[in-house]
Amino acid sequence: MGGPNHVGNYCDAPIIVDTENDRVYYQSSYYYIGHFSRFNKKRSQENRV
Protein backbone atom coordinates (compact mmCIF):
# COMPACT_ATOMS: atom_id res chain seq x y z
CA MET A 1 0.00 0.00 0.00
CA GLY A 2 1.20 3.49 -0.73
CA GLY A 3 1.05 6.33 1.69
CA PRO A 4 -1.26 9.24 2.42
CA ASN A 5 -1.58 12.00 -0.15
CA HIS A 6 -2.61 15.65 -0.24
CA VAL A 7 -6.34 14.86 0.09
CA GLY A 8 -5.88 12.66 3.16
CA ASN A 9 -6.52 9.22 1.70
CA TYR A 10 -4.25 6.35 0.69
CA CYS A 11 -3.33 5.41 -2.85
CA ASP A 12 -1.43 2.53 -4.35
CA ALA A 13 2.22 3.10 -5.22
CA PRO A 14 3.64 1.48 -8.37
CA ILE A 15 6.94 0.80 -6.58
CA ILE A 16 7.32 0.18 -2.85
CA VAL A 17 10.77 0.18 -1.23
CA ASP A 18 11.28 -1.60 2.08
CA THR A 19 14.47 0.00 3.40
CA GLU A 20 14.52 -2.10 6.56
CA ASN A 21 14.80 -5.35 4.60
CA ASP A 22 16.48 -3.98 1.43
CA ARG A 23 13.61 -5.09 -0.81
CA VAL A 24 11.84 -3.47 -3.74
CA TYR A 25 8.27 -4.45 -4.65
CA TYR A 26 6.88 -3.73 -8.11
CA GLN A 27 3.08 -3.61 -7.98
CA SER A 28 0.86 -4.52 -10.93
CA SER A 29 0.25 -0.81 -11.61
CA TYR A 30 3.98 -0.43 -12.38
CA TYR A 31 3.66 -2.91 -15.23
CA TYR A 32 0.47 -1.54 -16.76
CA ILE A 33 1.80 2.04 -16.63
CA GLY A 34 4.82 0.75 -18.55
CA HIS A 35 2.56 -1.03 -21.03
CA PHE A 36 0.49 2.07 -21.81
CA SER A 37 3.51 4.37 -21.95
CA ARG A 38 4.95 2.38 -24.85
CA PHE A 39 2.10 3.59 -27.03
CA ASN A 40 2.70 7.31 -26.34
CA LYS A 41 4.51 8.85 -29.25
CA LYS A 42 7.31 11.34 -28.78
CA ARG A 43 6.10 14.93 -28.74
CA SER A 44 2.50 13.83 -28.17
CA GLN A 45 0.21 16.28 -26.42
CA GLU A 46 -2.52 15.91 -23.85
CA ASN A 47 -6.06 16.63 -25.03
CA ARG A 48 -8.17 18.00 -22.21
CA VAL A 49 -11.90 17.38 -22.26
C-alpha atoms as a PDB file:
ATOM      1  CA  MET A   1       0.000   0.000   0.000  1.00  0.00           C
ATOM      2  CA  GLY A   2       1.203   3.486  -0.733  1.00  0.00           C
ATOM      3  CA  GLY A   3       1.054   6.334   1.694  1.00  0.00           C
ATOM      4  CA  PRO A   4      -1.265   9.239   2.416  1.00  0.00           C
ATOM      5  CA  ASN A   5      -1.582  11.998  -0.148  1.00  0.00           C
ATOM      6  CA  HIS A   6      -2.610  15.651  -0.237  1.00  0.00           C
ATOM      7  CA  VAL A   7      -6.337  14.862   0.089  1.00  0.00           C
ATOM      8  CA  GLY A   8      -5.882  12.664   3.158  1.00  0.00           C
ATOM      9  CA  ASN A   9      -6.515   9.217   1.696  1.00  0.00           C
ATOM     10  CA  TYR A  10      -4.250   6.347   0.688  1.00  0.00           C
ATOM     11  CA  CYS A  11      -3.327   5.409  -2.849  1.00  0.00           C
ATOM     12  CA  ASP A  12      -1.434   2.534  -4.354  1.00  0.00           C
ATOM     13  CA  ALA A  13       2.220   3.103  -5.217  1.00  0.00           C
ATOM     14  CA  PRO A  14       3.641   1.484  -8.370  1.00  0.00           C
ATOM     15  CA  ILE A  15       6.943   0.799  -6.578  1.00  0.00           C
ATOM     16  CA  ILE A  16       7.321   0.183  -2.847  1.00  0.00           C
ATOM     17  CA  VAL A  17      10.769   0.181  -1.232  1.00  0.00           C
ATOM     18  CA  ASP A  18      11.281  -1.604   2.076  1.00  0.00           C
ATOM     19  CA  THR A  19      14.471  -0.005   3.398  1.00  0.00           C
ATOM     20  CA  GLU A  20      14.524  -2.096   6.563  1.00  0.00           C
ATOM     21  CA  ASN A  21      14.800  -5.350   4.596  1.00  0.00           C
ATOM     22  CA  ASP A  22      16.485  -3.980   1.430  1.00  0.00           C
ATOM     23  CA  ARG A  23      13.609  -5.093  -0.808  1.00  0.00           C
ATOM     24  CA  VAL A  24      11.839  -3.473  -3.741  1.00  0.00           C
ATOM     25  CA  TYR A  25       8.274  -4.449  -4.647  1.00  0.00           C
ATOM     26  CA  TYR A  26       6.876  -3.733  -8.112  1.00  0.00           C
ATOM     27  CA  GLN A  27       3.078  -3.609  -7.984  1.00  0.00           C
ATOM     28  CA  SER A  28       0.860  -4.519 -10.926  1.00  0.00           C
ATOM     29  CA  SER A  29       0.250  -0.814 -11.606  1.00  0.00           C
ATOM     30  CA  TYR A  30       3.980  -0.429 -12.380  1.00  0.00           C
ATOM     31  CA  TYR A  31       3.660  -2.911 -15.234  1.00  0.00           C
ATOM     32  CA  TYR A  32       0.467  -1.538 -16.756  1.00  0.00           C
ATOM     33  CA  ILE A  33       1.796   2.042 -16.633  1.00  0.00           C
ATOM     34  CA  GLY A  34       4.823   0.749 -18.548  1.00  0.00           C
ATOM     35  CA  HIS A  35       2.560  -1.032 -21.030  1.00  0.00           C
ATOM     36  CA  PHE A  36       0.486   2.073 -21.809  1.00  0.00           C
ATOM     37  CA  SER A  37       3.505   4.374 -21.949  1.00  0.00           C
ATOM     38  CA  ARG A  38       4.949   2.379 -24.851  1.00  0.00           C
ATOM     39  CA  PHE A  39       2.095   3.594 -27.028  1.00  0.00           C
ATOM     40  CA  ASN A  40       2.701   7.305 -26.337  1.00  0.00           C
ATOM     41  CA  LYS A  41       4.513   8.847 -29.253  1.00  0.00           C
ATOM     42  CA  LYS A  42       7.306  11.338 -28.780  1.00  0.00           C
ATOM     43  CA  ARG A  43       6.102  14.928 -28.740  1.00  0.00           C
ATOM     44  CA  SER A  44       2.504  13.829 -28.171  1.00  0.00           C
ATOM     45  CA  GLN A  45       0.212  16.283 -26.419  1.00  0.00           C
ATOM     46  CA  GLU A  46      -2.520  15.911 -23.851  1.00  0.00           C
ATOM     47  CA  ASN A  47      -6.058  16.632 -25.035  1.00  0.00           C
ATOM     48  CA  ARG A  48      -8.174  17.995 -22.212  1.00  0.00           C
ATOM     49  CA  VAL A  49     -11.901  17.379 -22.256  1.00  0.00           C
END
